[in-house]
PDB file of N, CA and C in Angstrom:
ATOM      1  N   MET A   1     114.914 118.661  90.136  1.00  0.00           N
ATOM      2  CA  MET A   1     115.276 117.420  90.775  1.00  0.00           C
ATOM      3  C   MET A   1     114.014 116.757  91.339  1.00  0.00           C
ATOM      4  N   LYS A   2     113.817 115.486  91.012  1.00  0.00           N
ATOM      5  CA  LYS A   2     112.677 114.746  91.543  1.00  0.00           C
ATOM      6  C   LYS A   2     112.972 114.302  92.970  1.00  0.00           C
ATOM      7  N   GLN A   3     111.926 114.352  93.799  1.00  0.00           N
ATOM      8  CA  GLN A   3     112.047 113.941  95.194  1.00  0.00           C
ATOM      9  C   GLN A   3     110.822 113.132  95.586  1.00  0.00           C
ATOM     10  N   CYS A   4     110.963 112.362  96.649  1.00  0.00           N
ATOM     11  CA  CYS A   4     109.809 111.694  97.242  1.00  0.00           C
ATOM     12  C   CYS A   4     110.032 111.592  98.746  1.00  0.00           C
ATOM     13  N   ILE A   5     108.950 111.339  99.446  1.00  0.00           N
ATOM     14  CA  ILE A   5     108.968 111.168 100.891  1.00  0.00           C
ATOM     15  C   ILE A   5     108.633 109.713 101.193  1.00  0.00           C
ATOM     16  N   ILE A   6     109.431 109.092 102.038  1.00  0.00           N
ATOM     17  CA  ILE A   6     109.107 107.760 102.543  1.00  0.00           C
ATOM     18  C   ILE A   6     108.762 107.952 104.017  1.00  0.00           C
ATOM     19  N   ALA A   7     107.539 107.572 104.389  1.00  0.00           N
ATOM     20  CA  ALA A   7     107.034 107.842 105.737  1.00  0.00           C
ATOM     21  C   ALA A   7     106.660 106.551 106.453  1.00  0.00           C
ATOM     22  N   ASP A   8     106.749 106.604 107.769  1.00  0.00           N
ATOM     23  CA  ASP A   8     106.346 105.478 108.603  1.00  0.00           C
ATOM     24  C   ASP A   8     105.727 106.027 109.879  1.00  0.00           C
ATOM     25  N   PHE A   9     104.627 105.427 110.282  1.00  0.00           N
ATOM     26  CA  PHE A   9     103.931 105.829 111.500  1.00  0.00           C
ATOM     27  C   PHE A   9     103.857 104.622 112.425  1.00  0.00           C
ATOM     28  N   GLU A  10     104.299 104.793 113.654  1.00  0.00           N
ATOM     29  CA  GLU A  10     104.207 103.717 114.648  1.00  0.00           C
ATOM     30  C   GLU A  10     102.977 103.965 115.493  1.00  0.00           C
ATOM     31  N   TRP A  11     102.198 102.921 115.717  1.00  0.00           N
ATOM     32  CA  TRP A  11     100.968 103.091 116.473  1.00  0.00           C
ATOM     33  C   TRP A  11     100.680 101.855 117.292  1.00  0.00           C
ATOM     34  N   CYS A  12      99.811 102.031 118.235  1.00  0.00           N
ATOM     35  CA  CYS A  12      99.445 100.977 119.179  1.00  0.00           C
ATOM     36  C   CYS A  12      97.956 100.693 119.039  1.00  0.00           C
ATOM     37  N   VAL A  13      97.624  99.424 118.937  1.00  0.00           N
ATOM     38  CA  VAL A  13      96.227  98.998 118.910  1.00  0.00           C
ATOM     39  C   VAL A  13      95.997  98.153 120.155  1.00  0.00           C
ATOM     40  N   THR A  14      95.079  98.584 120.978  1.00  0.00           N
ATOM     41  CA  THR A  14      94.777  97.903 122.232  1.00  0.00           C
ATOM     42  C   THR A  14      93.274  97.635 122.283  1.00  0.00           C
ATOM     43  N   PRO A  15      92.861  96.484 122.798  1.00  0.00           N
ATOM     44  CA  PRO A  15      91.415  96.265 122.951  1.00  0.00           C
ATOM     45  C   PRO A  15      90.762  97.433 123.683  1.00  0.00           C
ATOM     46  N   HIS A  16      89.595  97.809 123.213  1.00  0.00           N
ATOM     47  CA  HIS A  16      88.876  98.954 123.774  1.00  0.00           C
ATOM     48  C   HIS A  16      88.537  98.693 125.241  1.00  0.00           C
ATOM     49  N   PRO A  17      88.601  99.733 126.073  1.00  0.00           N
ATOM     50  CA  PRO A  17      88.340  99.562 127.507  1.00  0.00           C
ATOM     51  C   PRO A  17      86.942  99.016 127.824  1.00  0.00           C
ATOM     52  N   THR A  18      85.995  99.114 126.886  1.00  0.00           N
ATOM     53  CA  THR A  18      84.653  98.584 127.144  1.00  0.00           C
ATOM     54  C   THR A  18      84.640  97.060 127.115  1.00  0.00           C
ATOM     55  N   GLY A  19      85.723  96.463 126.558  1.00  0.00           N
ATOM     56  CA  GLY A  19      85.765  95.006 126.453  1.00  0.00           C
ATOM     57  C   GLY A  19      85.118  94.490 125.174  1.00  0.00           C
ATOM     58  N   ASP A  20      84.526  95.368 124.381  1.00  0.00           N
ATOM     59  CA  ASP A  20      83.919  94.968 123.113  1.00  0.00           C
ATOM     60  C   ASP A  20      85.012  94.412 122.202  1.00  0.00           C
ATOM     61  N   ARG A  21      84.882  93.153 121.799  1.00  0.00           N
ATOM     62  CA  ARG A  21      85.946  92.518 121.029  1.00  0.00           C
ATOM     63  C   ARG A  21      86.061  93.047 119.604  1.00  0.00           C
ATOM     64  N   PHE A  22      85.128  93.872 119.179  1.00  0.00           N
ATOM     65  CA  PHE A  22      85.184  94.445 117.839  1.00  0.00           C
ATOM     66  C   PHE A  22      85.652  95.899 117.841  1.00  0.00           C
ATOM     67  N   GLN A  23      85.940  96.430 119.022  1.00  0.00           N
ATOM     68  CA  GLN A  23      86.417  97.811 119.119  1.00  0.00           C
ATOM     69  C   GLN A  23      87.832  97.817 119.679  1.00  0.00           C
ATOM     70  N   TYR A  24      88.641  98.715 119.131  1.00  0.00           N
ATOM     71  CA  TYR A  24      90.020  98.843 119.585  1.00  0.00           C
ATOM     72  C   TYR A  24      90.335 100.304 119.822  1.00  0.00           C
ATOM     73  N   TYR A  25      91.270 100.536 120.698  1.00  0.00           N
ATOM     74  CA  TYR A  25      91.743 101.867 121.009  1.00  0.00           C
ATOM     75  C   TYR A  25      93.050 102.050 120.232  1.00  0.00           C
ATOM     76  N   ASN A  26      93.110 103.004 119.319  1.00  0.00           N
ATOM     77  CA  ASN A  26      94.277 103.220 118.468  1.00  0.00           C
ATOM     78  C   ASN A  26      94.950 104.536 118.816  1.00  0.00           C
ATOM     79  N   GLU A  27      96.255 104.507 118.880  1.00  0.00           N
ATOM     80  CA  GLU A  27      97.039 105.725 119.119  1.00  0.00           C
ATOM     81  C   GLU A  27      98.256 105.710 118.196  1.00  0.00           C
ATOM     82  N   ILE A  28      98.473 106.788 117.460  1.00  0.00           N
ATOM     83  CA  ILE A  28      99.712 106.948 116.713  1.00  0.00           C
ATOM     84  C   ILE A  28     100.735 107.500 117.696  1.00  0.00           C
ATOM     85  N   LEU A  29     101.863 106.806 117.812  1.00  0.00           N
ATOM     86  CA  LEU A  29     102.852 107.157 118.822  1.00  0.00           C
ATOM     87  C   LEU A  29     104.051 107.917 118.265  1.00  0.00           C
ATOM     88  N   SER A  30     104.318 107.753 116.972  1.00  0.00           N
ATOM     89  CA  SER A  30     105.416 108.506 116.369  1.00  0.00           C
ATOM     90  C   SER A  30     105.218 108.587 114.861  1.00  0.00           C
ATOM     91  N   ALA A  31     105.823 109.608 114.289  1.00  0.00           N
ATOM     92  CA  ALA A  31     105.798 109.812 112.843  1.00  0.00           C
ATOM     93  C   ALA A  31     107.224 110.084 112.390  1.00  0.00           C
ATOM     94  N   GLY A  32     107.627 109.385 111.343  1.00  0.00           N
ATOM     95  CA  GLY A  32     108.961 109.590 110.797  1.00  0.00           C
ATOM     96  C   GLY A  32     108.914 109.597 109.285  1.00  0.00           C
ATOM     97  N   ALA A  33     109.827 110.320 108.680  1.00  0.00           N
ATOM     98  CA  ALA A  33     109.876 110.377 107.219  1.00  0.00           C
ATOM     99  C   ALA A  33     111.258 110.842 106.788  1.00  0.00           C
ATOM    100  N   VAL A  34     111.624 110.431 105.576  1.00  0.00           N
ATOM    101  CA  VAL A  34     112.823 110.954 104.937  1.00  0.00           C
ATOM    102  C   VAL A  34     112.444 111.467 103.562  1.00  0.00           C
ATOM    103  N   ARG A  35     113.094 112.529 103.150  1.00  0.00           N
ATOM    104  CA  ARG A  35     112.956 113.052 101.795  1.00  0.00           C
ATOM    105  C   ARG A  35     114.176 112.544 101.033  1.00  0.00           C
ATOM    106  N   ILE A  36     113.931 111.882  99.904  1.00  0.00           N
ATOM    107  CA  ILE A  36     115.042 111.377  99.110  1.00  0.00           C
ATOM    108  C   ILE A  36     114.999 111.984  97.707  1.00  0.00           C
ATOM    109  N   ASP A  37     116.180 112.081  97.114  1.00  0.00           N
ATOM    110  CA  ASP A  37     116.243 112.609  95.755  1.00  0.00           C
ATOM    111  C   ASP A  37     116.239 111.448  94.757  1.00  0.00           C
ATOM    112  N   GLU A  38     116.384 111.774  93.479  1.00  0.00           N
ATOM    113  CA  GLU A  38     116.269 110.758  92.431  1.00  0.00           C
ATOM    114  C   GLU A  38     117.404 109.736  92.456  1.00  0.00           C
ATOM    115  N   THR A  39     118.485 110.036  93.185  1.00  0.00           N
ATOM    116  CA  THR A  39     119.581 109.060  93.306  1.00  0.00           C
ATOM    117  C   THR A  39     119.402 108.159  94.526  1.00  0.00           C
ATOM    118  N   GLY A  40     118.378 108.441  95.338  1.00  0.00           N
ATOM    119  CA  GLY A  40     118.143 107.664  96.552  1.00  0.00           C
ATOM    120  C   GLY A  40     118.837 108.221  97.779  1.00  0.00           C
ATOM    121  N   SER A  41     119.449 109.375  97.644  1.00  0.00           N
ATOM    122  CA  SER A  41     120.129 109.994  98.788  1.00  0.00           C
ATOM    123  C   SER A  41     119.118 110.707  99.684  1.00  0.00           C
ATOM    124  N   VAL A  42     119.293 110.546 100.983  1.00  0.00           N
ATOM    125  CA  VAL A  42     118.447 111.241 101.950  1.00  0.00           C
ATOM    126  C   VAL A  42     118.894 112.700 102.010  1.00  0.00           C
ATOM    127  N   ILE A  43     117.938 113.604 101.769  1.00  0.00           N
ATOM    128  CA  ILE A  43     118.275 115.028 101.785  1.00  0.00           C
ATOM    129  C   ILE A  43     117.603 115.788 102.932  1.00  0.00           C
ATOM    130  N   ASP A  44     116.649 115.132 103.619  1.00  0.00           N
ATOM    131  CA  ASP A  44     116.018 115.767 104.779  1.00  0.00           C
ATOM    132  C   ASP A  44     115.311 114.691 105.593  1.00  0.00           C
ATOM    133  N   ARG A  45     115.103 114.951 106.874  1.00  0.00           N
ATOM    134  CA  ARG A  45     114.467 113.986 107.781  1.00  0.00           C
ATOM    135  C   ARG A  45     113.417 114.678 108.641  1.00  0.00           C
ATOM    136  N   PHE A  46     112.407 113.877 109.024  1.00  0.00           N
ATOM    137  CA  PHE A  46     111.366 114.341 109.948  1.00  0.00           C
ATOM    138  C   PHE A  46     111.134 113.218 110.952  1.00  0.00           C
ATOM    139  N   TYR A  47     111.043 113.576 112.236  1.00  0.00           N
ATOM    140  CA  TYR A  47     110.686 112.581 113.248  1.00  0.00           C
ATOM    141  C   TYR A  47     110.096 113.296 114.454  1.00  0.00           C
ATOM    142  N   SER A  48     109.047 112.690 115.004  1.00  0.00           N
ATOM    143  CA  SER A  48     108.489 113.206 116.251  1.00  0.00           C
ATOM    144  C   SER A  48     107.729 112.105 116.976  1.00  0.00           C
ATOM    145  N   LEU A  49     107.894 112.086 118.274  1.00  0.00           N
ATOM    146  CA  LEU A  49     106.981 111.307 119.099  1.00  0.00           C
ATOM    147  C   LEU A  49     105.655 112.056 119.128  1.00  0.00           C
ATOM    148  N   ILE A  50     104.587 111.349 119.485  1.00  0.00           N
ATOM    149  CA  ILE A  50     103.262 111.961 119.568  1.00  0.00           C
ATOM    150  C   ILE A  50     102.638 111.580 120.908  1.00  0.00           C
ATOM    151  N   ARG A  51     102.197 112.598 121.646  1.00  0.00           N
ATOM    152  CA  ARG A  51     101.576 112.350 122.951  1.00  0.00           C
ATOM    153  C   ARG A  51     100.215 111.688 122.737  1.00  0.00           C
ATOM    154  N   PRO A  52      99.995 110.525 123.350  1.00  0.00           N
ATOM    155  CA  PRO A  52      98.699 109.851 123.205  1.00  0.00           C
ATOM    156  C   PRO A  52      97.610 110.580 123.980  1.00  0.00           C
ATOM    157  N   GLU A  53      96.385 110.394 123.536  1.00  0.00           N
ATOM    158  CA  GLU A  53      95.249 110.998 124.245  1.00  0.00           C
ATOM    159  C   GLU A  53      95.077 110.370 125.621  1.00  0.00           C
ATOM    160  N   ASN A  54      95.333 109.073 125.715  1.00  0.00           N
ATOM    161  CA  ASN A  54      95.222 108.400 127.004  1.00  0.00           C
ATOM    162  C   ASN A  54      96.246 107.275 127.074  1.00  0.00           C
ATOM    163  N   ALA A  55      97.372 107.558 127.695  1.00  0.00           N
ATOM    164  CA  ALA A  55      98.470 106.590 127.768  1.00  0.00           C
ATOM    165  C   ALA A  55      98.112 105.339 128.560  1.00  0.00           C
ATOM    166  N   ALA A  56      97.068 105.396 129.359  1.00  0.00           N
ATOM    167  CA  ALA A  56      96.684 104.231 130.157  1.00  0.00           C
ATOM    168  C   ALA A  56      96.290 103.041 129.288  1.00  0.00           C
ATOM    169  N   TYR A  57      95.831 103.318 128.053  1.00  0.00           N
ATOM    170  CA  TYR A  57      95.382 102.244 127.182  1.00  0.00           C
ATOM    171  C   TYR A  57      96.472 101.706 126.264  1.00  0.00           C
ATOM    172  N   LEU A  58      97.681 102.219 126.362  1.00  0.00           N
ATOM    173  CA  LEU A  58      98.759 101.741 125.506  1.00  0.00           C
ATOM    174  C   LEU A  58      99.234 100.370 125.982  1.00  0.00           C
ATOM    175  N   HIS A  59      99.338  99.452 125.054  1.00  0.00           N
ATOM    176  CA  HIS A  59      99.728  98.089 125.401  1.00  0.00           C
ATOM    177  C   HIS A  59     101.218  98.038 125.741  1.00  0.00           C
ATOM    178  N   PRO A  60     101.585  97.449 126.881  1.00  0.00           N
ATOM    179  CA  PRO A  60     102.984  97.430 127.297  1.00  0.00           C
ATOM    180  C   PRO A  60     103.898  96.681 126.322  1.00  0.00           C
ATOM    181  N   VAL A  61     103.392  95.683 125.629  1.00  0.00           N
ATOM    182  CA  VAL A  61     104.210  94.944 124.667  1.00  0.00           C
ATOM    183  C   VAL A  61     104.588  95.860 123.496  1.00  0.00           C
ATOM    184  N   VAL A  62     103.640  96.677 123.048  1.00  0.00           N
ATOM    185  CA  VAL A  62     103.920  97.605 121.952  1.00  0.00           C
ATOM    186  C   VAL A  62     104.929  98.653 122.410  1.00  0.00           C
ATOM    187  N   LEU A  63     104.728  99.205 123.589  1.00  0.00           N
ATOM    188  CA  LEU A  63     105.677 100.194 124.102  1.00  0.00           C
ATOM    189  C   LEU A  63     107.078  99.612 124.180  1.00  0.00           C
ATOM    190  N   SER A  64     107.180  98.391 124.646  1.00  0.00           N
ATOM    191  CA  SER A  64     108.479  97.732 124.755  1.00  0.00           C
ATOM    192  C   SER A  64     109.107  97.503 123.387  1.00  0.00           C
ATOM    193  N   SER A  65     108.316  97.025 122.429  1.00  0.00           N
ATOM    194  CA  SER A  65     108.875  96.744 121.102  1.00  0.00           C
ATOM    195  C   SER A  65     109.321  98.017 120.388  1.00  0.00           C
ATOM    196  N   LEU A  66     108.677  99.140 120.676  1.00  0.00           N
ATOM    197  CA  LEU A  66     109.066 100.420 120.081  1.00  0.00           C
ATOM    198  C   LEU A  66     110.109 101.159 120.925  1.00  0.00           C
ATOM    199  N   ARG A  67     110.440 100.575 122.077  1.00  0.00           N
ATOM    200  CA  ARG A  67     111.382 101.180 123.025  1.00  0.00           C
ATOM    201  C   ARG A  67     110.923 102.561 123.463  1.00  0.00           C
ATOM    202  N   LEU A  68     109.636 102.650 123.779  1.00  0.00           N
ATOM    203  CA  LEU A  68     109.043 103.891 124.248  1.00  0.00           C
ATOM    204  C   LEU A  68     108.530 103.703 125.670  1.00  0.00           C
ATOM    205  N   SER A  69     108.386 104.804 126.366  1.00  0.00           N
ATOM    206  CA  SER A  69     107.790 104.759 127.703  1.00  0.00           C
ATOM    207  C   SER A  69     106.650 105.764 127.763  1.00  0.00           C
ATOM    208  N   ARG A  70     105.764 105.553 128.693  1.00  0.00           N
ATOM    209  CA  ARG A  70     104.678 106.515 128.889  1.00  0.00           C
ATOM    210  C   ARG A  70     105.240 107.895 129.239  1.00  0.00           C
ATOM    211  N   ASP A  71     106.352 107.917 129.991  1.00  0.00           N
ATOM    212  CA  ASP A  71     106.964 109.192 130.370  1.00  0.00           C
ATOM    213  C   ASP A  71     107.481 109.956 129.147  1.00  0.00           C
ATOM    214  N   SER A  72     108.159 109.247 128.227  1.00  0.00           N
ATOM    215  CA  SER A  72     108.691 109.935 127.037  1.00  0.00           C
ATOM    216  C   SER A  72     107.561 110.458 126.161  1.00  0.00           C
ATOM    217  N   LEU A  73     106.465 109.734 126.101  1.00  0.00           N
ATOM    218  CA  LEU A  73     105.325 110.164 125.300  1.00  0.00           C
ATOM    219  C   LEU A  73     104.566 111.312 125.962  1.00  0.00           C
ATOM    220  N   ALA A  74     104.589 111.371 127.291  1.00  0.00           N
ATOM    221  CA  ALA A  74     103.880 112.434 128.011  1.00  0.00           C
ATOM    222  C   ALA A  74     104.449 113.816 127.693  1.00  0.00           C
ATOM    223  N   ASP A  75     105.729 113.871 127.352  1.00  0.00           N
ATOM    224  CA  ASP A  75     106.383 115.145 127.039  1.00  0.00           C
ATOM    225  C   ASP A  75     106.317 115.494 125.548  1.00  0.00           C
ATOM    226  N   ALA A  76     105.755 114.602 124.741  1.00  0.00           N
ATOM    227  CA  ALA A  76     105.710 114.815 123.287  1.00  0.00           C
ATOM    228  C   ALA A  76     104.579 115.768 122.907  1.00  0.00           C
ATOM    229  N   PRO A  77     104.670 116.378 121.724  1.00  0.00           N
ATOM    230  CA  PRO A  77     103.567 117.222 121.255  1.00  0.00           C
ATOM    231  C   PRO A  77     102.347 116.384 120.878  1.00  0.00           C
ATOM    232  N   GLU A  78     101.189 117.020 120.838  1.00  0.00           N
ATOM    233  CA  GLU A  78      99.952 116.329 120.459  1.00  0.00           C
ATOM    234  C   GLU A  78      99.921 116.064 118.957  1.00  0.00           C
ATOM    235  N   PHE A  79      99.047 115.142 118.540  1.00  0.00           N
ATOM    236  CA  PHE A  79      98.953 114.731 117.150  1.00  0.00           C
ATOM    237  C   PHE A  79      98.760 115.911 116.194  1.00  0.00           C
ATOM    238  N   GLY A  80      97.843 116.818 116.495  1.00  0.00           N
ATOM    239  CA  GLY A  80      97.557 117.934 115.597  1.00  0.00           C
ATOM    240  C   GLY A  80      98.782 118.768 115.286  1.00  0.00           C
ATOM    241  N   GLU A  81      99.586 119.038 116.295  1.00  0.00           N
ATOM    242  CA  GLU A  81     100.812 119.810 116.098  1.00  0.00           C
ATOM    243  C   GLU A  81     101.810 119.048 115.230  1.00  0.00           C
ATOM    244  N   VAL A  82     101.987 117.756 115.525  1.00  0.00           N
ATOM    245  CA  VAL A  82     102.930 116.942 114.747  1.00  0.00           C
ATOM    246  C   VAL A  82     102.456 116.812 113.305  1.00  0.00           C
ATOM    247  N   PHE A  83     101.158 116.592 113.110  1.00  0.00           N
ATOM    248  CA  PHE A  83     100.636 116.418 111.762  1.00  0.00           C
ATOM    249  C   PHE A  83     100.806 117.692 110.933  1.00  0.00           C
ATOM    250  N   ALA A  84     100.596 118.838 111.543  1.00  0.00           N
ATOM    251  CA  ALA A  84     100.793 120.110 110.838  1.00  0.00           C
ATOM    252  C   ALA A  84     102.253 120.272 110.419  1.00  0.00           C
ATOM    253  N   ARG A  85     103.172 119.932 111.308  1.00  0.00           N
ATOM    254  CA  ARG A  85     104.597 120.005 110.963  1.00  0.00           C
ATOM    255  C   ARG A  85     104.947 118.999 109.876  1.00  0.00           C
ATOM    256  N   PHE A  86     104.335 117.799 109.936  1.00  0.00           N
ATOM    257  CA  PHE A  86     104.571 116.781 108.917  1.00  0.00           C
ATOM    258  C   PHE A  86     104.091 117.259 107.548  1.00  0.00           C
ATOM    259  N   LEU A  87     102.889 117.837 107.485  1.00  0.00           N
ATOM    260  CA  LEU A  87     102.369 118.337 106.213  1.00  0.00           C
ATOM    261  C   LEU A  87     103.257 119.446 105.655  1.00  0.00           C
ATOM    262  N   SER A  88     103.787 120.283 106.511  1.00  0.00           N
ATOM    263  CA  SER A  88     104.705 121.325 106.076  1.00  0.00           C
ATOM    264  C   SER A  88     105.988 120.711 105.507  1.00  0.00           C
ATOM    265  N   PHE A  89     106.491 119.670 106.155  1.00  0.00           N
ATOM    266  CA  PHE A  89     107.679 118.952 105.684  1.00  0.00           C
ATOM    267  C   PHE A  89     107.425 118.339 104.309  1.00  0.00           C
ATOM    268  N   VAL A  90     106.256 117.755 104.120  1.00  0.00           N
ATOM    269  CA  VAL A  90     105.921 117.077 102.864  1.00  0.00           C
ATOM    270  C   VAL A  90     105.710 118.066 101.724  1.00  0.00           C
ATOM    271  N   GLY A  91     104.974 119.145 101.975  1.00  0.00           N
ATOM    272  CA  GLY A  91     104.665 120.087 100.914  1.00  0.00           C
ATOM    273  C   GLY A  91     103.894 119.395  99.797  1.00  0.00           C
ATOM    274  N   GLU A  92     104.357 119.550  98.566  1.00  0.00           N
ATOM    275  CA  GLU A  92     103.710 118.946  97.395  1.00  0.00           C
ATOM    276  C   GLU A  92     104.392 117.646  96.954  1.00  0.00           C
ATOM    277  N   THR A  93     105.332 117.160  97.746  1.00  0.00           N
ATOM    278  CA  THR A  93     106.100 115.966  97.385  1.00  0.00           C
ATOM    279  C   THR A  93     105.267 114.707  97.565  1.00  0.00           C
ATOM    280  N   ARG A  94     105.451 113.740  96.671  1.00  0.00           N
ATOM    281  CA  ARG A  94     104.736 112.461  96.780  1.00  0.00           C
ATOM    282  C   ARG A  94     105.209 111.687  98.004  1.00  0.00           C
ATOM    283  N   ILE A  95     104.251 110.984  98.638  1.00  0.00           N
ATOM    284  CA  ILE A  95     104.545 110.215  99.841  1.00  0.00           C
ATOM    285  C   ILE A  95     104.387 108.730  99.541  1.00  0.00           C
ATOM    286  N   PHE A  96     105.338 107.937 100.037  1.00  0.00           N
ATOM    287  CA  PHE A  96     105.258 106.484  99.961  1.00  0.00           C
ATOM    288  C   PHE A  96     105.326 105.934 101.378  1.00  0.00           C
ATOM    289  N   THR A  97     104.447 104.979 101.669  1.00  0.00           N
ATOM    290  CA  THR A  97     104.449 104.297 102.959  1.00  0.00           C
ATOM    291  C   THR A  97     104.392 102.797 102.694  1.00  0.00           C
ATOM    292  N   TRP A  98     104.388 102.024 103.746  1.00  0.00           N
ATOM    293  CA  TRP A  98     104.243 100.588 103.597  1.00  0.00           C
ATOM    294  C   TRP A  98     103.407 100.054 104.760  1.00  0.00           C
ATOM    295  N   GLY A  99     102.889  98.858 104.582  1.00  0.00           N
ATOM    296  CA  GLY A  99     102.059  98.232 105.615  1.00  0.00           C
ATOM    297  C   GLY A  99     100.605  98.275 105.245  1.00  0.00           C
ATOM    298  N   CYS A 100      99.870  97.254 105.688  1.00  0.00           N
ATOM    299  CA  CYS A 100      98.463  97.143 105.316  1.00  0.00           C
ATOM    300  C   CYS A 100      97.607  98.259 105.913  1.00  0.00           C
ATOM    301  N   ALA A 101      98.068  98.901 106.995  1.00  0.00           N
ATOM    302  CA  ALA A 101      97.272  99.935 107.650  1.00  0.00           C
ATOM    303  C   ALA A 101      97.700 101.344 107.264  1.00  0.00           C
ATOM    304  N   ASP A 102      98.822 101.483 106.550  1.00  0.00           N
ATOM    305  CA  ASP A 102      99.284 102.821 106.168  1.00  0.00           C
ATOM    306  C   ASP A 102      98.441 103.363 105.037  1.00  0.00           C
ATOM    307  N   ARG A 103      98.118 104.639 105.111  1.00  0.00           N
ATOM    308  CA  ARG A 103      97.306 105.300 104.090  1.00  0.00           C
ATOM    309  C   ARG A 103      98.026 106.543 103.610  1.00  0.00           C
TER     310      ARG A 103
END
């Protein structure tokens, strides 16, 4: 049976605290994915919030639009732990994402 993963990462881009207009502070705040089969049926799901390195730099508009709070993110696992679990979820399956910044 053929399968694929459709993934989405929510992140916040905030001007860097130095004020340099060419530098930004980036934080991935959550990772989500679904595994689908060849009929398009969802057969497995992955989702996790990700604790930011420094929540003070998270833009309040982004937090509001994602319906997240600094408190909910403070209790989340760190990026390395989430990424390891995500890679385990993906295995050898092809990944599809969308958006100009998704890789």
